[in-house]
Amino acid sequence: MTRDARGELGRVGIWTFAFEGQSAGRVREAAAEVEELGYGAIWYGEAFGRDTVGQGWLLLSATRRIVVASGIANIAFRDPIAMATAERTLGEAFPGRYLLGLGGHRVDDTVHHLDGYPMPARGRAVTTMGGYLDAMDAVPAHGPVPDPTPRRVLAALGPKMLRLAGERTWGAHSYFVSAEHTARAREIMGPDAFLGVEQAVVLDTDRARARELATAHVAGYVSSAPHQEVNVRRLGFGDDDIIGGPSRRLVDAITAYGDVDAVRERVRRHLDAGADHVCLQVLTADPAVLPVPQWRELAPALLSRG
């Protein structure tokens, strides 16, 4: 996939888990509005709500132009054959608009639990992902072949996964990262790979209240996602920043909170550090509610062509 194709996503998109808890009709309405607001891409997570393939189809069918990206499709949830054939189906039905993000941090040597559900070990992360890509590539095609070929990115934080992303796919989708991580990722992958980064934001002019929500978000990840703790330690954060609750320094590195200008400045920092695209995850007091008012408020400032 060429470097020129990066422009299809624009500089800014949205990222959300909240579609999982919404009715299909509400998802269609929200997706259509996101497109009309001018965002370049809709990124959506996958847990135990709506299956990533069904969610992708729902979002793509509700829109006309915008790129729809899984961020990410969890490789622990489905066989490579199922993923490869689903990728072809969505790619053929919606040419050039489906971006497959692959990941699944529960691929180490232990069994993790997600909401009490056991997630079996799949092996070492980079080796497992490389094998999964090999298996997808080997699946024979017995139906229409999409043109263009759908793009893939990998959920990548550490140097080895970032290199794999740059070598085997269009690039990387990095989640829960700082602008400093973005600069390191660009250096590792080189100038040609795509780099799309998630940025958590709290849009609230009451900075104390906004910081409280941002702190809860960061605490949830560093306390329950070992790969995220490893990554923030790799960035220079230590026990004082992590144990007993995240430090303000760590919260400020991972989240942007305050008014629209604070969000715009953080987006600029990522872009200056080498990101091609920044997808904003708006945090609210109720994560099950779609943050449509915030998407509306951010759009004029972040999507201006001037």
Protein backbone atom coordinates (compact mmCIF):
# COMPACT_ATOMS: atom_id res chain seq x y z
CA MET A 1 0.00 0.00 0.00
CA THR A 2 1.43 3.34 -1.02
CA ARG A 3 2.25 6.24 1.23
CA ASP A 4 -0.26 8.37 -0.72
CA ALA A 5 -3.13 6.22 0.61
CA ARG A 6 -2.55 7.66 4.09
CA GLY A 7 -4.39 10.79 3.07
CA GLU A 8 -7.65 8.86 2.80
CA LEU A 9 -7.81 8.73 6.60
CA GLY A 10 -7.10 12.41 7.09
CA ARG A 11 -5.21 13.65 10.09
CA VAL A 12 -7.92 13.01 12.69
CA GLY A 13 -10.46 10.27 13.31
CA ILE A 14 -12.49 9.03 16.25
CA TRP A 15 -11.97 5.88 18.35
CA THR A 16 -14.64 4.34 20.56
CA PHE A 17 -15.73 1.23 22.41
CA ALA A 18 -19.19 2.70 22.92
CA PHE A 19 -20.68 1.32 19.69
CA GLU A 20 -20.69 -2.13 21.29
CA GLY A 21 -23.50 -1.27 23.67
CA GLN A 22 -25.69 0.60 21.19
CA SER A 23 -28.53 -0.65 19.04
CA ALA A 24 -27.77 -1.11 15.36
CA GLY A 25 -29.99 1.84 14.50
CA ARG A 26 -28.15 4.16 16.90
CA VAL A 27 -24.78 3.02 15.54
CA ARG A 28 -25.92 3.83 12.00
CA GLU A 29 -27.09 7.29 13.00
CA ALA A 30 -23.89 8.11 14.89
CA ALA A 31 -21.60 6.81 12.15
CA ALA A 32 -23.39 8.88 9.51
CA GLU A 33 -22.97 12.00 11.66
CA VAL A 34 -19.27 11.33 12.27
CA GLU A 35 -18.81 11.17 8.50
CA GLU A 36 -20.74 14.40 7.95
CA LEU A 37 -18.67 16.14 10.63
CA GLY A 38 -15.63 15.48 8.45
CA TYR A 39 -13.59 12.98 10.47
CA GLY A 40 -11.36 10.79 8.35
CA ALA A 41 -11.88 7.44 10.03
CA ILE A 42 -14.00 5.58 12.55
CA TRP A 43 -11.98 3.23 14.76
CA TYR A 44 -13.78 0.77 17.01
CA GLY A 45 -12.65 -1.70 19.64
CA GLU A 46 -13.70 -5.28 20.24
CA ALA A 47 -14.49 -6.89 23.58
CA PHE A 48 -17.64 -8.93 24.22
CA GLY A 49 -20.15 -6.64 22.58
CA ARG A 50 -20.60 -6.76 18.84
CA ASP A 51 -18.26 -8.97 16.80
CA THR A 52 -15.64 -6.92 14.94
CA VAL A 53 -16.73 -8.16 11.51
CA GLY A 54 -20.41 -7.41 12.14
CA GLN A 55 -19.53 -4.04 13.61
CA GLY A 56 -17.41 -3.21 10.59
CA TRP A 57 -20.20 -4.12 8.19
CA LEU A 58 -22.70 -2.05 10.19
CA LEU A 59 -20.47 1.04 10.14
CA LEU A 60 -19.51 0.68 6.50
CA SER A 61 -23.08 0.20 5.35
CA ALA A 62 -24.19 3.30 7.28
CA THR A 63 -21.61 5.57 5.62
CA ARG A 64 -20.45 6.40 2.10
CA ARG A 65 -16.86 7.65 2.16
CA ILE A 66 -15.23 7.39 5.57
CA VAL A 67 -12.63 4.73 6.38
CA VAL A 68 -13.77 2.20 8.97
CA ALA A 69 -10.96 0.61 10.99
CA SER A 70 -10.96 -2.19 13.55
CA GLY A 71 -8.86 -1.05 16.43
CA ILE A 72 -8.38 -3.89 16.96
CA ALA A 73 -9.79 -7.23 15.79
CA ASN A 74 -8.61 -9.63 18.48
CA ILE A 75 -6.74 -12.60 16.99
CA ALA A 76 -7.60 -14.67 20.07
CA PHE A 77 -11.27 -14.52 19.08
CA ARG A 78 -11.13 -16.11 15.62
CA ASP A 79 -9.28 -18.47 13.33
CA PRO A 80 -7.05 -16.91 10.62
CA ILE A 81 -9.27 -18.47 7.94
CA ALA A 82 -12.32 -16.68 9.33
CA MET A 83 -10.42 -13.41 9.57
CA ALA A 84 -8.99 -13.65 6.05
CA THR A 85 -12.34 -14.41 4.43
CA ALA A 86 -14.08 -11.66 6.41
CA GLU A 87 -11.38 -9.19 5.37
CA ARG A 88 -11.91 -10.10 1.72
CA THR A 89 -15.68 -9.82 2.03
CA LEU A 90 -15.61 -6.35 3.59
CA GLY A 91 -12.85 -5.23 1.23
CA GLU A 92 -14.79 -6.33 -1.84
CA ALA A 93 -18.10 -4.88 -0.67
CA PHE A 94 -16.62 -1.52 0.37
CA PRO A 95 -13.54 -0.95 -1.82
CA GLY A 96 -10.75 0.98 -0.15
CA ARG A 97 -12.75 1.78 2.98
CA TYR A 98 -12.01 -1.11 5.36
CA LEU A 99 -8.81 -1.06 7.40
CA LEU A 100 -8.11 -4.22 9.40
CA GLY A 101 -6.29 -3.63 12.65
CA LEU A 102 -5.06 -6.87 14.22
CA GLY A 103 -3.98 -7.38 17.80
CA GLY A 104 -4.67 -9.31 20.95
CA HIS A 105 -2.40 -8.66 23.89
CA ARG A 106 -3.48 -11.91 25.53
CA VAL A 107 -0.93 -13.85 23.55
CA ASP A 108 1.79 -14.48 26.10
CA ASP A 109 2.46 -17.57 28.20
CA THR A 110 -0.35 -17.24 30.72
CA VAL A 111 -4.13 -17.44 30.79
CA HIS A 112 -5.80 -14.05 31.28
CA HIS A 113 -9.41 -13.39 32.16
CA LEU A 114 -11.63 -10.82 30.48
CA ASP A 115 -14.74 -10.13 32.55
CA GLY A 116 -14.19 -13.55 34.11
CA TYR A 117 -13.86 -15.30 30.75
CA PRO A 118 -10.60 -17.26 30.35
CA MET A 119 -8.47 -16.24 27.39
CA PRO A 120 -6.07 -19.13 26.66
CA ALA A 121 -2.40 -18.47 26.03
CA ARG A 122 -1.41 -18.28 22.37
CA GLY A 123 2.38 -18.03 22.65
CA ARG A 124 4.80 -15.14 22.45
CA ALA A 125 3.25 -12.02 20.99
CA VAL A 126 5.47 -11.27 17.99
CA THR A 127 5.87 -14.92 16.97
CA THR A 128 2.14 -15.51 17.33
CA MET A 129 1.25 -12.46 15.25
CA GLY A 130 3.75 -13.38 12.54
CA GLY A 131 2.28 -16.86 12.33
CA TYR A 132 -1.25 -15.47 12.21
CA LEU A 133 -0.33 -13.22 9.28
CA ASP A 134 1.29 -16.18 7.51
CA ALA A 135 -1.87 -18.23 7.98
CA MET A 136 -4.11 -15.42 6.71
CA ASP A 137 -1.95 -14.96 3.63
CA ALA A 138 -2.12 -18.68 2.85
CA VAL A 139 -5.93 -18.90 2.83
CA PRO A 140 -7.07 -19.64 -0.76
CA ALA A 141 -9.61 -17.36 -2.39
CA HIS A 142 -12.77 -19.00 -3.71
CA GLY A 143 -14.78 -15.82 -4.10
CA PRO A 144 -14.42 -12.27 -5.36
CA VAL A 145 -10.99 -10.75 -4.73
CA PRO A 146 -11.18 -7.16 -3.44
CA ASP A 147 -9.53 -4.39 -5.43
CA PRO A 148 -7.74 -2.64 -3.87
CA THR A 149 -6.46 -5.19 -1.38
CA PRO A 150 -7.60 -4.20 2.14
CA ARG A 151 -4.96 -2.59 4.30
CA ARG A 152 -3.78 -4.10 7.57
CA VAL A 153 -2.13 -2.58 10.60
CA LEU A 154 -0.93 -4.15 13.84
CA ALA A 155 -1.53 -3.09 17.40
CA ALA A 156 2.08 -2.30 18.20
CA LEU A 157 3.86 -0.79 21.19
CA GLY A 158 7.28 -2.42 21.61
CA PRO A 159 10.15 -2.29 19.13
CA LYS A 160 9.75 -5.87 17.87
CA MET A 161 6.03 -5.54 17.13
CA LEU A 162 6.57 -2.12 15.56
CA ARG A 163 9.20 -3.62 13.25
CA LEU A 164 6.87 -6.48 12.35
CA ALA A 165 4.11 -3.96 11.60
CA GLY A 166 6.38 -1.99 9.31
CA GLU A 167 7.71 -5.08 7.53
CA ARG A 168 4.55 -7.17 7.14
CA THR A 169 1.62 -4.72 7.07
CA TRP A 170 0.72 -1.17 6.13
CA GLY A 171 1.89 0.00 9.54
CA ALA A 172 0.93 0.32 13.19
CA HIS A 173 -1.98 1.34 15.37
CA SER A 174 -0.61 2.34 18.78
CA TYR A 175 -3.02 2.64 21.72
CA PHE A 176 -2.51 4.27 25.14
CA VAL A 177 0.63 6.11 24.09
CA SER A 178 2.33 9.46 24.55
CA ALA A 179 3.77 11.75 21.89
CA GLU A 180 7.20 10.54 22.99
CA HIS A 181 6.18 7.00 22.09
CA THR A 182 5.00 8.24 18.70
CA ALA A 183 8.44 9.69 18.00
CA ARG A 184 10.11 6.40 18.97
CA ALA A 185 7.67 4.39 16.86
CA ARG A 186 8.36 6.53 13.81
CA GLU A 187 12.10 6.11 14.27
CA ILE A 188 11.76 2.33 14.55
CA MET A 189 9.42 1.88 11.58
CA GLY A 190 11.03 4.40 9.28
CA PRO A 191 9.38 7.06 7.14
CA ASP A 192 7.23 4.88 4.88
CA ALA A 193 5.04 2.87 7.28
CA PHE A 194 1.66 4.20 8.38
CA LEU A 195 1.41 5.24 12.03
CA GLY A 196 -2.03 5.82 13.52
CA VAL A 197 -2.16 6.60 17.23
CA GLU A 198 -5.05 6.60 19.68
CA GLN A 199 -5.29 9.61 21.99
CA ALA A 200 -7.59 9.60 25.01
CA VAL A 201 -9.19 13.00 25.71
CA VAL A 202 -11.51 14.50 28.30
CA LEU A 203 -13.31 17.58 27.04
CA ASP A 204 -14.20 19.50 30.19
CA THR A 205 -13.14 23.03 31.16
CA ASP A 206 -13.27 22.01 34.83
CA ARG A 207 -9.73 20.71 34.82
CA ALA A 208 -9.92 19.07 38.25
CA ARG A 209 -12.95 17.06 37.20
CA ALA A 210 -11.37 16.28 33.83
CA ARG A 211 -8.15 15.11 35.49
CA GLU A 212 -10.11 12.82 37.80
CA LEU A 213 -11.70 11.07 34.83
CA ALA A 214 -8.38 10.89 32.99
CA THR A 215 -6.71 9.41 36.07
CA ALA A 216 -9.32 6.67 36.33
CA HIS A 217 -8.77 5.78 32.68
CA VAL A 218 -5.00 5.49 33.07
CA ALA A 219 -5.31 3.57 36.34
CA GLY A 220 -7.57 1.00 34.71
CA TYR A 221 -4.96 0.14 32.09
CA VAL A 222 -1.76 0.13 34.12
CA SER A 223 -3.40 -2.00 36.83
CA SER A 224 -4.97 -4.63 34.58
CA ALA A 225 -3.04 -4.68 31.29
CA PRO A 226 0.55 -5.88 31.83
CA HIS A 227 1.64 -4.97 28.31
CA GLN A 228 0.60 -1.37 28.92
CA GLU A 229 2.54 -1.23 32.17
CA VAL A 230 5.60 -2.59 30.37
CA ASN A 231 5.23 0.05 27.70
CA VAL A 232 4.98 3.02 30.08
CA ARG A 233 8.01 1.72 31.96
CA ARG A 234 9.81 1.54 28.62
CA LEU A 235 9.03 5.25 28.27
CA GLY A 236 10.74 6.04 31.56
CA PHE A 237 7.91 5.85 34.09
CA GLY A 238 8.72 3.97 37.29
CA ASP A 239 7.14 2.63 40.46
CA ASP A 240 6.41 6.13 41.73
CA ASP A 241 4.29 6.76 38.65
CA ILE A 242 2.48 3.42 38.61
CA ILE A 243 2.15 1.77 42.03
CA GLY A 244 -0.65 3.08 44.22
CA GLY A 245 -2.30 4.92 41.35
CA PRO A 246 -0.91 6.76 38.33
CA SER A 247 1.07 9.90 38.91
CA ARG A 248 -0.05 13.17 37.42
CA ARG A 249 3.01 13.01 35.15
CA LEU A 250 1.83 9.70 33.69
CA VAL A 251 -1.78 10.84 33.39
CA ASP A 252 -0.70 13.99 31.56
CA ALA A 253 1.47 11.98 29.16
CA ILE A 254 -1.28 9.55 28.20
CA THR A 255 -4.36 11.78 28.21
CA ALA A 256 -5.26 15.24 27.01
CA TYR A 257 -7.84 17.01 29.13
CA GLY A 258 -9.39 20.44 29.36
CA ASP A 259 -10.73 22.54 26.51
CA VAL A 260 -10.59 22.12 22.74
CA ASP A 261 -7.24 23.90 22.58
CA ALA A 262 -5.66 21.30 24.88
CA VAL A 263 -6.86 18.51 22.60
CA ARG A 264 -5.71 20.34 19.48
CA GLU A 265 -2.25 20.85 20.98
CA ARG A 266 -1.91 17.14 21.78
CA VAL A 267 -2.93 16.18 18.26
CA ARG A 268 -0.31 18.60 16.91
CA ARG A 269 2.36 17.02 19.12
CA HIS A 270 1.62 13.55 17.78
CA LEU A 271 1.65 14.77 14.19
CA ASP A 272 4.91 16.63 14.73
CA ALA A 273 6.38 13.48 16.29
CA GLY A 274 5.65 11.46 13.17
CA ALA A 275 2.05 10.23 13.38
CA ASP A 276 0.10 10.14 10.13
CA HIS A 277 -3.26 10.00 11.86
CA VAL A 278 -4.59 10.56 15.39
CA CYS A 279 -7.83 8.87 16.47
CA LEU A 280 -9.47 10.48 19.47
CA GLN A 281 -11.08 8.44 22.21
CA VAL A 282 -13.36 10.81 24.10
CA LEU A 283 -13.70 9.75 27.73
CA THR A 284 -16.93 10.50 29.59
CA ALA A 285 -18.36 9.68 33.01
CA ASP A 286 -20.51 6.98 31.40
CA PRO A 287 -18.42 5.00 28.88
CA ALA A 288 -21.55 3.33 27.51
CA VAL A 289 -22.86 6.64 26.14
CA LEU A 290 -21.76 7.76 22.70
CA PRO A 291 -19.86 11.07 23.05
CA VAL A 292 -21.58 12.68 20.08
CA PRO A 293 -21.73 16.19 21.63
CA GLN A 294 -17.97 16.11 22.16
CA TRP A 295 -17.35 14.86 18.62
CA ARG A 296 -19.40 17.80 17.39
CA GLU A 297 -17.49 20.28 19.53
CA LEU A 298 -14.06 19.04 18.49
CA ALA A 299 -14.69 18.81 14.77
CA PRO A 300 -14.53 22.50 13.78
CA ALA A 301 -11.20 23.05 15.52
CA LEU A 302 -9.50 19.81 14.51
CA LEU A 303 -10.78 19.35 10.98
CA SER A 304 -10.33 22.85 9.64
CA ARG A 305 -8.62 22.92 6.27
CA GLY A 306 -7.21 26.32 6.94
